[in-house]
Full PDB file with SEQRES, HELIX, SHEET, SSBOND, CRYST1, ORIGX, SCALE, CONECT and MASTER records, all heavy atoms in Angstrom:
SEQRES   1 A   34  GLN VAL PRO ASN LYS VAL PHE GLY GLU TRP VAL LYS ASN          
SEQRES   2 A   34  SER SER ILE PHE GLU ASN ILE LYS LEU ILE LYS THR GLU          
SEQRES   3 A   34  GLN LYS TYR LYS ASN SER ARG PHE                              
HELIX    1 AA1 VAL A    2  ASN A   13  1                                  12    
SHEET    1 AA1 2 LYS A  28  TYR A  29  0                                        
SHEET    2 AA1 2 SER A  32  ARG A  33 -1                                        
CRYST1    1.000    1.000    1.000  90.00  90.00  90.00 P 1           1          
ORIGX1      1.000000  0.000000  0.000000        0.00000                         
ORIGX2      0.000000  1.000000  0.000000        0.00000                         
ORIGX3      0.000000  0.000000  1.000000        0.00000                         
SCALE1      1.000000  0.000000  0.000000        0.00000                         
SCALE2      0.000000  1.000000  0.000000        0.00000                         
SCALE3      0.000000  0.000000  1.000000        0.00000                         
ATOM      1  N   GLN A   1       0.814  -1.218   0.000  1.00  0.00           N  
ATOM      2  CA  GLN A   1       0.000   0.000   0.000  1.00  0.00           C  
ATOM      3  C   GLN A   1       0.848   1.270   0.000  1.00  0.00           C  
ATOM      4  O   GLN A   1       0.331   2.362  -0.180  1.00  0.00           O  
ATOM      5  CB  GLN A   1      -0.928  -0.006   1.218  1.00  0.00           C  
ATOM      6  CG  GLN A   1      -1.936  -1.136   1.210  1.00  0.00           C  
ATOM      7  CD  GLN A   1      -2.791  -1.171   2.460  1.00  0.00           C  
ATOM      8  OE1 GLN A   1      -2.767  -0.244   3.267  1.00  0.00           O  
ATOM      9  NE2 GLN A   1      -3.546  -2.235   2.636  1.00  0.00           N  
ATOM     10  N   VAL A   2       2.169   1.117   0.190  1.00  0.00           N  
ATOM     11  CA  VAL A   2       3.005   2.300   0.364  1.00  0.00           C  
ATOM     12  C   VAL A   2       3.522   2.933  -0.931  1.00  0.00           C  
ATOM     13  O   VAL A   2       3.796   4.142  -0.936  1.00  0.00           O  
ATOM     14  CB  VAL A   2       4.176   1.983   1.321  1.00  0.00           C  
ATOM     15  CG1 VAL A   2       5.350   1.355   0.588  1.00  0.00           C  
ATOM     16  CG2 VAL A   2       4.621   3.222   2.063  1.00  0.00           C  
ATOM     17  N   PRO A   3       3.705   2.213  -2.059  1.00  0.00           N  
ATOM     18  CA  PRO A   3       4.279   2.856  -3.249  1.00  0.00           C  
ATOM     19  C   PRO A   3       3.515   4.101  -3.708  1.00  0.00           C  
ATOM     20  O   PRO A   3       4.134   5.108  -4.092  1.00  0.00           O  
ATOM     21  CB  PRO A   3       4.235   1.746  -4.305  1.00  0.00           C  
ATOM     22  CG  PRO A   3       4.396   0.499  -3.509  1.00  0.00           C  
ATOM     23  CD  PRO A   3       3.594   0.749  -2.264  1.00  0.00           C  
ATOM     24  N   ASN A   4       2.192   4.082  -3.669  1.00  0.00           N  
ATOM     25  CA  ASN A   4       1.428   5.261  -4.070  1.00  0.00           C  
ATOM     26  C   ASN A   4       1.691   6.440  -3.135  1.00  0.00           C  
ATOM     27  O   ASN A   4       1.795   7.589  -3.576  1.00  0.00           O  
ATOM     28  CB  ASN A   4      -0.069   4.946  -4.089  1.00  0.00           C  
ATOM     29  CG  ASN A   4      -0.489   4.174  -5.319  1.00  0.00           C  
ATOM     30  OD1 ASN A   4       0.333   3.530  -5.969  1.00  0.00           O  
ATOM     31  ND2 ASN A   4      -1.763   4.193  -5.640  1.00  0.00           N  
ATOM     32  N   LYS A   5       1.807   6.167  -1.849  1.00  0.00           N  
ATOM     33  CA  LYS A   5       2.096   7.232  -0.888  1.00  0.00           C  
ATOM     34  C   LYS A   5       3.495   7.795  -1.116  1.00  0.00           C  
ATOM     35  O   LYS A   5       3.709   9.012  -1.045  1.00  0.00           O  
ATOM     36  CB  LYS A   5       1.956   6.697   0.534  1.00  0.00           C  
ATOM     37  CG  LYS A   5       0.548   6.248   0.890  1.00  0.00           C  
ATOM     38  CD  LYS A   5       0.491   5.633   2.278  1.00  0.00           C  
ATOM     39  CE  LYS A   5      -0.905   5.122   2.591  1.00  0.00           C  
ATOM     40  NZ  LYS A   5      -0.972   4.470   3.924  1.00  0.00           N  
ATOM     41  N   VAL A   6       4.442   6.902  -1.403  1.00  0.00           N  
ATOM     42  CA  VAL A   6       5.816   7.327  -1.666  1.00  0.00           C  
ATOM     43  C   VAL A   6       5.865   8.208  -2.908  1.00  0.00           C  
ATOM     44  O   VAL A   6       6.506   9.272  -2.910  1.00  0.00           O  
ATOM     45  CB  VAL A   6       6.735   6.101  -1.833  1.00  0.00           C  
ATOM     46  CG1 VAL A   6       8.098   6.512  -2.380  1.00  0.00           C  
ATOM     47  CG2 VAL A   6       6.908   5.384  -0.496  1.00  0.00           C  
ATOM     48  N   PHE A   7       5.185   7.785  -3.960  1.00  0.00           N  
ATOM     49  CA  PHE A   7       5.167   8.593  -5.184  1.00  0.00           C  
ATOM     50  C   PHE A   7       4.484   9.930  -4.933  1.00  0.00           C  
ATOM     51  O   PHE A   7       4.946  10.977  -5.409  1.00  0.00           O  
ATOM     52  CB  PHE A   7       4.451   7.856  -6.313  1.00  0.00           C  
ATOM     53  CG  PHE A   7       4.264   8.699  -7.544  1.00  0.00           C  
ATOM     54  CD1 PHE A   7       5.290   8.857  -8.458  1.00  0.00           C  
ATOM     55  CD2 PHE A   7       3.066   9.367  -7.779  1.00  0.00           C  
ATOM     56  CE1 PHE A   7       5.132   9.653  -9.590  1.00  0.00           C  
ATOM     57  CE2 PHE A   7       2.892  10.166  -8.900  1.00  0.00           C  
ATOM     58  CZ  PHE A   7       3.932  10.307  -9.807  1.00  0.00           C  
ATOM     59  N   GLY A   8       3.371   9.914  -4.213  1.00  0.00           N  
ATOM     60  CA  GLY A   8       2.642  11.148  -3.937  1.00  0.00           C  
ATOM     61  C   GLY A   8       3.491  12.172  -3.210  1.00  0.00           C  
ATOM     62  O   GLY A   8       3.409  13.374  -3.491  1.00  0.00           O  
ATOM     63  N   GLU A   9       4.316  11.711  -2.278  1.00  0.00           N  
ATOM     64  CA  GLU A   9       5.225  12.623  -1.575  1.00  0.00           C  
ATOM     65  C   GLU A   9       6.337  13.104  -2.490  1.00  0.00           C  
ATOM     66  O   GLU A   9       6.693  14.280  -2.495  1.00  0.00           O  
ATOM     67  CB  GLU A   9       5.832  11.914  -0.357  1.00  0.00           C  
ATOM     68  CG  GLU A   9       4.846  11.630   0.758  1.00  0.00           C  
ATOM     69  CD  GLU A   9       5.491  10.887   1.920  1.00  0.00           C  
ATOM     70  OE1 GLU A   9       6.670  10.491   1.786  1.00  0.00           O  
ATOM     71  OE2 GLU A   9       4.822  10.701   2.957  1.00  0.00           O  
ATOM     72  N   TRP A  10       6.891  12.167  -3.282  1.00  0.00           N  
ATOM     73  CA  TRP A  10       8.033  12.481  -4.139  1.00  0.00           C  
ATOM     74  C   TRP A  10       7.667  13.467  -5.246  1.00  0.00           C  
ATOM     75  O   TRP A  10       8.404  14.412  -5.514  1.00  0.00           O  
ATOM     76  CB  TRP A  10       8.581  11.190  -4.748  1.00  0.00           C  
ATOM     77  CG  TRP A  10       9.682  11.388  -5.741  1.00  0.00           C  
ATOM     78  CD1 TRP A  10      11.014  11.537  -5.479  1.00  0.00           C  
ATOM     79  CD2 TRP A  10       9.548  11.464  -7.167  1.00  0.00           C  
ATOM     80  NE1 TRP A  10      11.720  11.700  -6.656  1.00  0.00           N  
ATOM     81  CE2 TRP A  10      10.839  11.656  -7.704  1.00  0.00           C  
ATOM     82  CE3 TRP A  10       8.461  11.381  -8.035  1.00  0.00           C  
ATOM     83  CZ2 TRP A  10      11.064  11.769  -9.074  1.00  0.00           C  
ATOM     84  CZ3 TRP A  10       8.679  11.487  -9.398  1.00  0.00           C  
ATOM     85  CH2 TRP A  10       9.976  11.687  -9.909  1.00  0.00           C  
ATOM     86  N   VAL A  11       6.524  13.268  -5.882  1.00  0.00           N  
ATOM     87  CA  VAL A  11       6.195  14.064  -7.069  1.00  0.00           C  
ATOM     88  C   VAL A  11       6.003  15.538  -6.727  1.00  0.00           C  
ATOM     89  O   VAL A  11       6.263  16.422  -7.554  1.00  0.00           O  
ATOM     90  CB  VAL A  11       4.952  13.486  -7.787  1.00  0.00           C  
ATOM     91  CG1 VAL A  11       3.660  13.802  -7.026  1.00  0.00           C  
ATOM     92  CG2 VAL A  11       4.865  14.010  -9.221  1.00  0.00           C  
ATOM     93  N   LYS A  12       5.576  15.830  -5.512  1.00  0.00           N  
ATOM     94  CA  LYS A  12       5.360  17.222  -5.117  1.00  0.00           C  
ATOM     95  C   LYS A  12       6.662  17.996  -4.993  1.00  0.00           C  
ATOM     96  O   LYS A  12       6.682  19.220  -5.140  1.00  0.00           O  
ATOM     97  CB  LYS A  12       4.601  17.270  -3.785  1.00  0.00           C  
ATOM     98  CG  LYS A  12       3.178  16.735  -3.871  1.00  0.00           C  
ATOM     99  CD  LYS A  12       2.537  16.671  -2.494  1.00  0.00           C  
ATOM    100  CE  LYS A  12       1.149  16.052  -2.568  1.00  0.00           C  
ATOM    101  NZ  LYS A  12       0.535  15.923  -1.227  1.00  0.00           N  
ATOM    102  N   ASN A  13       7.745  17.272  -4.722  1.00  0.00           N  
ATOM    103  CA  ASN A  13       9.042  17.923  -4.542  1.00  0.00           C  
ATOM    104  C   ASN A  13       9.998  17.682  -5.698  1.00  0.00           C  
ATOM    105  O   ASN A  13      11.129  18.157  -5.691  1.00  0.00           O  
ATOM    106  CB  ASN A  13       9.694  17.415  -3.244  1.00  0.00           C  
ATOM    107  CG  ASN A  13       8.857  17.722  -2.026  1.00  0.00           C  
ATOM    108  OD1 ASN A  13       8.411  18.856  -1.853  1.00  0.00           O  
ATOM    109  ND2 ASN A  13       8.621  16.732  -1.190  1.00  0.00           N  
ATOM    110  N   SER A  14       9.551  16.943  -6.689  1.00  0.00           N  
ATOM    111  CA  SER A  14      10.406  16.611  -7.830  1.00  0.00           C  
ATOM    112  C   SER A  14      10.246  17.652  -8.924  1.00  0.00           C  
ATOM    113  O   SER A  14       9.213  18.322  -9.031  1.00  0.00           O  
ATOM    114  CB  SER A  14      10.039  15.229  -8.371  1.00  0.00           C  
ATOM    115  OG  SER A  14      10.662  14.993  -9.609  1.00  0.00           O  
ATOM    116  N   SER A  15      11.261  17.755  -9.771  1.00  0.00           N  
ATOM    117  CA  SER A  15      11.194  18.682 -10.904  1.00  0.00           C  
ATOM    118  C   SER A  15      10.782  17.986 -12.189  1.00  0.00           C  
ATOM    119  O   SER A  15      10.800  18.592 -13.257  1.00  0.00           O  
ATOM    120  CB  SER A  15      12.563  19.348 -11.105  1.00  0.00           C  
ATOM    121  OG  SER A  15      13.554  18.371 -11.382  1.00  0.00           O  
ATOM    122  N   ILE A  16      10.374  16.710 -12.094  1.00  0.00           N  
ATOM    123  CA  ILE A  16      10.024  15.974 -13.302  1.00  0.00           C  
ATOM    124  C   ILE A  16       8.782  16.561 -13.956  1.00  0.00           C  
ATOM    125  O   ILE A  16       8.647  16.572 -15.177  1.00  0.00           O  
ATOM    126  CB  ILE A  16       9.836  14.471 -12.991  1.00  0.00           C  
ATOM    127  CG1 ILE A  16       9.761  13.681 -14.304  1.00  0.00           C  
ATOM    128  CG2 ILE A  16       8.632  14.215 -12.103  1.00  0.00           C  
ATOM    129  CD1 ILE A  16       9.891  12.191 -14.131  1.00  0.00           C  
ATOM    130  N   PHE A  17       7.848  17.077 -13.152  1.00  0.00           N  
ATOM    131  CA  PHE A  17       6.677  17.788 -13.668  1.00  0.00           C  
ATOM    132  C   PHE A  17       6.708  19.202 -13.094  1.00  0.00           C  
ATOM    133  O   PHE A  17       6.625  19.376 -11.877  1.00  0.00           O  
ATOM    134  CB  PHE A  17       5.375  17.093 -13.259  1.00  0.00           C  
ATOM    135  CG  PHE A  17       5.285  15.659 -13.676  1.00  0.00           C  
ATOM    136  CD1 PHE A  17       5.068  14.668 -12.733  1.00  0.00           C  
ATOM    137  CD2 PHE A  17       5.413  15.295 -15.003  1.00  0.00           C  
ATOM    138  CE1 PHE A  17       4.982  13.335 -13.107  1.00  0.00           C  
ATOM    139  CE2 PHE A  17       5.337  13.966 -15.389  1.00  0.00           C  
ATOM    140  CZ  PHE A  17       5.119  12.983 -14.450  1.00  0.00           C  
ATOM    141  N   GLU A  18       6.824  20.177 -13.946  1.00  0.00           N  
ATOM    142  CA  GLU A  18       6.917  21.557 -13.484  1.00  0.00           C  
ATOM    143  C   GLU A  18       5.543  22.211 -13.420  1.00  0.00           C  
ATOM    144  O   GLU A  18       4.672  21.944 -14.236  1.00  0.00           O  
ATOM    145  CB  GLU A  18       7.837  22.358 -14.410  1.00  0.00           C  
ATOM    146  CG  GLU A  18       9.287  21.869 -14.392  1.00  0.00           C  
ATOM    147  CD  GLU A  18      10.185  22.711 -15.271  1.00  0.00           C  
ATOM    148  OE1 GLU A  18       9.663  23.600 -15.959  1.00  0.00           O  
ATOM    149  OE2 GLU A  18      11.412  22.478 -15.259  1.00  0.00           O  
ATOM    150  N   ASN A  19       5.383  23.078 -12.422  1.00  0.00           N  
ATOM    151  CA  ASN A  19       4.144  23.845 -12.256  1.00  0.00           C  
ATOM    152  C   ASN A  19       2.917  22.947 -12.165  1.00  0.00           C  
ATOM    153  O   ASN A  19       1.948  23.109 -12.917  1.00  0.00           O  
ATOM    154  CB  ASN A  19       3.981  24.846 -13.404  1.00  0.00           C  
ATOM    155  CG  ASN A  19       5.140  25.818 -13.491  1.00  0.00           C  
ATOM    156  OD1 ASN A  19       5.632  26.300 -12.482  1.00  0.00           O  
ATOM    157  ND2 ASN A  19       5.585  26.087 -14.711  1.00  0.00           N  
ATOM    158  N   ILE A  20       2.957  22.014 -11.239  1.00  0.00           N  
ATOM    159  CA  ILE A  20       1.813  21.118 -11.061  1.00  0.00           C  
ATOM    160  C   ILE A  20       0.623  21.914 -10.526  1.00  0.00           C  
ATOM    161  O   ILE A  20       0.706  22.599  -9.511  1.00  0.00           O  
ATOM    162  CB  ILE A  20       2.166  19.979 -10.083  1.00  0.00           C  
ATOM    163  CG1 ILE A  20       3.269  19.101 -10.674  1.00  0.00           C  
ATOM    164  CG2 ILE A  20       0.930  19.134  -9.784  1.00  0.00           C  
ATOM    165  CD1 ILE A  20       3.743  17.997  -9.733  1.00  0.00           C  
ATOM    166  N   LYS A  21      -0.483  21.804 -11.237  1.00  0.00           N  
ATOM    167  CA  LYS A  21      -1.693  22.536 -10.850  1.00  0.00           C  
ATOM    168  C   LYS A  21      -2.730  21.624 -10.206  1.00  0.00           C  
ATOM    169  O   LYS A  21      -3.603  22.084  -9.479  1.00  0.00           O  
ATOM    170  CB  LYS A  21      -2.292  23.202 -12.083  1.00  0.00           C  
ATOM    171  CG  LYS A  21      -1.354  24.180 -12.787  1.00  0.00           C  
ATOM    172  CD  LYS A  21      -1.962  24.685 -14.083  1.00  0.00           C  
ATOM    173  CE  LYS A  21      -1.004  25.602 -14.836  1.00  0.00           C  
ATOM    174  NZ  LYS A  21      -1.555  26.024 -16.155  1.00  0.00           N  
ATOM    175  N   LEU A  22      -2.643  20.329 -10.532  1.00  0.00           N  
ATOM    176  CA  LEU A  22      -3.669  19.401 -10.057  1.00  0.00           C  
ATOM    177  C   LEU A  22      -3.064  18.011  -9.874  1.00  0.00           C  
ATOM    178  O   LEU A  22      -2.315  17.543 -10.733  1.00  0.00           O  
ATOM    179  CB  LEU A  22      -4.823  19.319 -11.073  1.00  0.00           C  
ATOM    180  CG  LEU A  22      -5.935  18.309 -10.782  1.00  0.00           C  
ATOM    181  CD1 LEU A  22      -6.738  18.727  -9.554  1.00  0.00           C  
ATOM    182  CD2 LEU A  22      -6.859  18.163 -11.994  1.00  0.00           C  
ATOM    183  N   ILE A  23      -3.380  17.390  -8.741  1.00  0.00           N  
ATOM    184  CA  ILE A  23      -3.027  15.985  -8.514  1.00  0.00           C  
ATOM    185  C   ILE A  23      -4.278  15.280  -7.998  1.00  0.00           C  
ATOM    186  O   ILE A  23      -4.830  15.631  -6.960  1.00  0.00           O  
ATOM    187  CB  ILE A  23      -1.898  15.828  -7.474  1.00  0.00           C  
ATOM    188  CG1 ILE A  23      -0.620  16.539  -7.930  1.00  0.00           C  
ATOM    189  CG2 ILE A  23      -1.617  14.346  -7.232  1.00  0.00           C  
ATOM    190  CD1 ILE A  23       0.512  16.471  -6.908  1.00  0.00           C  
ATOM    191  N   LYS A  24      -4.727  14.282  -8.751  1.00  0.00           N  
ATOM    192  CA  LYS A  24      -5.887  13.497  -8.347  1.00  0.00           C  
ATOM    193  C   LYS A  24      -5.482  12.032  -8.265  1.00  0.00           C  
ATOM    194  O   LYS A  24      -4.693  11.556  -9.081  1.00  0.00           O  
ATOM    195  CB  LYS A  24      -7.039  13.651  -9.348  1.00  0.00           C  
ATOM    196  CG  LYS A  24      -7.657  15.029  -9.372  1.00  0.00           C  
ATOM    197  CD  LYS A  24      -8.780  15.109 -10.396  1.00  0.00           C  
ATOM    198  CE  LYS A  24      -9.975  14.259 -10.021  1.00  0.00           C  
ATOM    199  NZ  LYS A  24     -11.095  14.411 -10.986  1.00  0.00           N  
ATOM    200  N   THR A  25      -6.015  11.331  -7.297  1.00  0.00           N  
ATOM    201  CA  THR A  25      -5.740   9.904  -7.166  1.00  0.00           C  
ATOM    202  C   THR A  25      -6.927   9.088  -7.669  1.00  0.00           C  
ATOM    203  O   THR A  25      -8.061   9.587  -7.728  1.00  0.00           O  
ATOM    204  CB  THR A  25      -5.453   9.529  -5.700  1.00  0.00           C  
ATOM    205  OG1 THR A  25      -6.592   9.876  -4.901  1.00  0.00           O  
ATOM    206  CG2 THR A  25      -4.233  10.266  -5.187  1.00  0.00           C  
ATOM    207  N   GLU A  26      -6.633   7.847  -8.049  1.00  0.00           N  
ATOM    208  CA  GLU A  26      -7.680   6.913  -8.485  1.00  0.00           C  
ATOM    209  C   GLU A  26      -8.566   7.523  -9.570  1.00  0.00           C  
ATOM    210  O   GLU A  26      -9.786   7.614  -9.424  1.00  0.00           O  
ATOM    211  CB  GLU A  26      -8.532   6.474  -7.285  1.00  0.00           C  
ATOM    212  CG  GLU A  26      -7.758   5.707  -6.231  1.00  0.00           C  
ATOM    213  CD  GLU A  26      -7.262   4.366  -6.740  1.00  0.00           C  
ATOM    214  OE1 GLU A  26      -8.014   3.691  -7.463  1.00  0.00           O  
ATOM    215  OE2 GLU A  26      -6.107   4.014  -6.429  1.00  0.00           O  
ATOM    216  N   GLN A  27      -7.932   7.915 -10.663  1.00  0.00           N  
ATOM    217  CA  GLN A  27      -8.651   8.583 -11.750  1.00  0.00           C  
ATOM    218  C   GLN A  27      -9.105   7.559 -12.792  1.00  0.00           C  
ATOM    219  O   GLN A  27      -8.313   6.814 -13.349  1.00  0.00           O  
ATOM    220  CB  GLN A  27      -7.754   9.626 -12.415  1.00  0.00           C  
ATOM    221  CG  GLN A  27      -8.415  10.376 -13.558  1.00  0.00           C  
ATOM    222  CD  GLN A  27      -9.596  11.226 -13.104  1.00  0.00           C  
ATOM    223  OE1 GLN A  27      -9.592  11.774 -12.009  1.00  0.00           O  
ATOM    224  NE2 GLN A  27     -10.614  11.329 -13.937  1.00  0.00           N  
ATOM    225  N   LYS A  28     -10.400   7.549 -13.076  1.00  0.00           N  
ATOM    226  CA  LYS A  28     -10.948   6.596 -14.039  1.00  0.00           C  
ATOM    227  C   LYS A  28     -10.657   7.047 -15.472  1.00  0.00           C  
ATOM    228  O   LYS A  28     -10.758   8.218 -15.795  1.00  0.00           O  
ATOM    229  CB  LYS A  28     -12.459   6.456 -13.826  1.00  0.00           C  
ATOM    230  CG  LYS A  28     -13.093   5.316 -14.612  1.00  0.00           C  
ATOM    231  CD  LYS A  28     -14.524   5.116 -14.194  1.00  0.00           C  
ATOM    232  CE  LYS A  28     -15.261   4.036 -14.946  1.00  0.00           C  
ATOM    233  NZ  LYS A  28     -14.554   3.239 -15.902  1.00  0.00           N  
ATOM    234  N   TYR A  29     -10.302   6.080 -16.324  1.00  0.00           N  
ATOM    235  CA  TYR A  29     -10.099   6.326 -17.746  1.00  0.00           C  
ATOM    236  C   TYR A  29     -10.497   5.057 -18.493  1.00  0.00           C  
ATOM    237  O   TYR A  29      -9.915   3.993 -18.270  1.00  0.00           O  
ATOM    238  CB  TYR A  29      -8.645   6.680 -18.050  1.00  0.00           C  
ATOM    239  CG  TYR A  29      -8.346   6.809 -19.537  1.00  0.00           C  
ATOM    240  CD1 TYR A  29      -8.642   7.990 -20.220  1.00  0.00           C  
ATOM    241  CD2 TYR A  29      -7.806   5.751 -20.245  1.00  0.00           C  
ATOM    242  CE1 TYR A  29      -8.392   8.104 -21.575  1.00  0.00           C  
ATOM    243  CE2 TYR A  29      -7.549   5.859 -21.607  1.00  0.00           C  
ATOM    244  CZ  TYR A  29      -7.850   7.035 -22.262  1.00  0.00           C  
ATOM    245  OH  TYR A  29      -7.605   7.135 -23.618  1.00  0.00           O  
ATOM    246  N   LYS A  30     -11.517   5.173 -19.352  1.00  0.00           N  
ATOM    247  CA  LYS A  30     -12.064   4.016 -20.067  1.00  0.00           C  
ATOM    248  C   LYS A  30     -12.360   2.893 -19.077  1.00  0.00           C  
ATOM    249  O   LYS A  30     -13.128   3.078 -18.152  1.00  0.00           O  
ATOM    250  CB  LYS A  30     -11.123   3.586 -21.191  1.00  0.00           C  
ATOM    251  CG  LYS A  30     -10.954   4.650 -22.286  1.00  0.00           C  
ATOM    252  CD  LYS A  30     -10.194   4.118 -23.467  1.00  0.00           C  
ATOM    253  CE  LYS A  30      -9.978   5.200 -24.520  1.00  0.00           C  
ATOM    254  NZ  LYS A  30     -11.228   5.693 -25.115  1.00  0.00           N  
ATOM    255  N   ASN A  31     -11.700   1.742 -19.222  1.00  0.00           N  
ATOM    256  CA  ASN A  31     -11.983   0.606 -18.344  1.00  0.00           C  
ATOM    257  C   ASN A  31     -10.971   0.453 -17.216  1.00  0.00           C  
ATOM    258  O   ASN A  31     -10.946  -0.575 -16.537  1.00  0.00           O  
ATOM    259  CB  ASN A  31     -12.021  -0.689 -19.167  1.00  0.00           C  
ATOM    260  CG  ASN A  31     -13.162  -0.687 -20.176  1.00  0.00           C  
ATOM    261  OD1 ASN A  31     -14.279  -0.313 -19.842  1.00  0.00           O  
ATOM    262  ND2 ASN A  31     -12.880  -1.084 -21.403  1.00  0.00           N  
ATOM    263  N   SER A  32     -10.117   1.451 -17.039  1.00  0.00           N  
ATOM    264  CA  SER A  32      -9.105   1.387 -15.990  1.00  0.00           C  
ATOM    265  C   SER A  32      -9.298   2.512 -14.980  1.00  0.00           C  
ATOM    266  O   SER A  32      -9.979   3.499 -15.242  1.00  0.00           O  
ATOM    267  CB  SER A  32      -7.693   1.487 -16.593  1.00  0.00           C  
ATOM    268  OG  SER A  32      -7.322   0.288 -17.229  1.00  0.00           O  
ATOM    269  N   ARG A  33      -8.676   2.333 -13.843  1.00  0.00           N  
ATOM    270  CA  ARG A  33      -8.615   3.382 -12.832  1.00  0.00           C  
ATOM    271  C   ARG A  33      -7.134   3.560 -12.499  1.00  0.00           C  
ATOM    272  O   ARG A  33      -6.552   2.738 -11.806  1.00  0.00           O  
ATOM    273  CB  ARG A  33      -9.431   3.013 -11.604  1.00  0.00           C  
ATOM    274  CG  ARG A  33      -9.579   4.151 -10.597  1.00  0.00           C  
ATOM    275  CD  ARG A  33     -10.445   3.721  -9.425  1.00  0.00           C  
ATOM    276  NE  ARG A  33     -11.799   3.427  -9.832  1.00  0.00           N  
ATOM    277  CZ  ARG A  33     -12.770   4.326  -9.965  1.00  0.00           C  
ATOM    278  NH1 ARG A  33     -12.518   5.596  -9.705  1.00  0.00           N  
ATOM    279  NH2 ARG A  33     -13.972   3.971 -10.337  1.00  0.00           N  
ATOM    280  N   PHE A  34      -6.541   4.630 -13.031  1.00  0.00           N  
ATOM    281  CA  PHE A  34      -5.109   4.843 -12.836  1.00  0.00           C  
ATOM    282  C   PHE A  34      -4.850   5.486 -11.478  1.00  0.00           C  
ATOM    283  O   PHE A  34      -5.693   6.179 -10.919  1.00  0.00           O  
ATOM    284  CB  PHE A  34      -4.550   5.723 -13.959  1.00  0.00           C  
ATOM    285  CG  PHE A  34      -4.605   5.060 -15.307  1.00  0.00           C  
ATOM    286  CD1 PHE A  34      -5.256   5.665 -16.365  1.00  0.00           C  
ATOM    287  CD2 PHE A  34      -4.014   3.827 -15.518  1.00  0.00           C  
ATOM    288  CE1 PHE A  34      -5.313   5.060 -17.608  1.00  0.00           C  
ATOM    289  CE2 PHE A  34      -4.056   3.215 -16.756  1.00  0.00           C  
ATOM    290  CZ  PHE A  34      -4.716   3.828 -17.806  1.00  0.00           C  
TER     291      PHE A  34                                                      
MASTER        0    0    0    1    2    0    0    6  290    1    0    3          
END                                                                             
């Protein structure tokens, strides 16, 4: 259960995505929930 929490903490402080405006968890797309 921890990898998602680890990523959620990391992405907020990482420069891989600049100017993050929105972070949503468990987002549905077609037949998947990413």
